Amino acid sequence: KWTSFPPFALQATGANKGIGNGIVELLVQGLKPASHWHVYLTARNEKLGVEAVKVLEDRGLSVKFHQLDITDADSRHKLAEFMKANYPDGIDILVNNAGIAYKTDSTTPFGEQARVTIATNYTATVKMCTGFLPLMAKDSRLVNVASMAAMMSLRAMSKEMAAKFKGRLTLVIVCYVHSKPSLCCKLNRRQWLCIVALTTFRHAEAGDHKKVGFSNSTYGMSKVGLWRATAILAGQFKPDPHHILITSACLC
């Protein structure tokens, strides 16, 4: 049961097509009564986002749009400020879906692929979490879209590297915006070890990533990092009185 007035679901990232668009459509269809929910479709490209909203509206669904590039700090800040101003009781549902995956025949250098993929799928998504968690409503939900590629990458790693990811990890990336005092203090006390972002793409650039134990999939490694970050956040927020459920959902 969500208590914000008006309650609303925010599909924060990558929703103009594919899985993100499907999530928005299902949310609009499933959340009742529809008049009590404000569902936001966000996309990096405003033109494509507006067009996606129109398609859903033509099907009789009520959807709102806001531009968001998760890799851009200013874009994240603008969305956060908009939500804070218009929904003082907080965000009820946040789904982090945006991401990037290079095609297998891409000619982009492997090191560059690793840098961009991890910066988007892992680092930017973690910043979305730490930036928007202070804006979440009581009894709200934060869902990070996961992938089977993470499990495949774990199996492809060396036993030693896989053990590191499955062991105790903290993070070093903290980004928040004008948070509520109770949650702000928690975020300020957290230290995070960003083992993926700090080491994977460096070894990928050097060409020795497999030698040191990483998998050969930059997408998979980025999703391993997000999976672990989500688990860490969920554990740290478990005793929080806001009762924010933080989880990842494997949709692909």
Foldseek 3Di string as FASTA:
>chain_A
DADFFLAEAEADEDQLDDPNVVVLLCCQVPDPPNVSYAYEDEYQDPVSRVVSQVVSVVVVTHYHYDYADLLDPVRLQVVLVVCCVVGVQAHAEYEAEDFDFDDPPDPPQQLVRLQRRLSRLAVSVLQSCLARVLRHHFNHEYEYAAACLQVVFLVQFDPVVNVVLVDDFFAADHHYDPGDVVVVVLSVPGHGNQCSNVPQSVCSVVVCNRVVTTHSGSNNSSRSNRQSSQVVVQVSCCPPRSNYHGYYDYDD
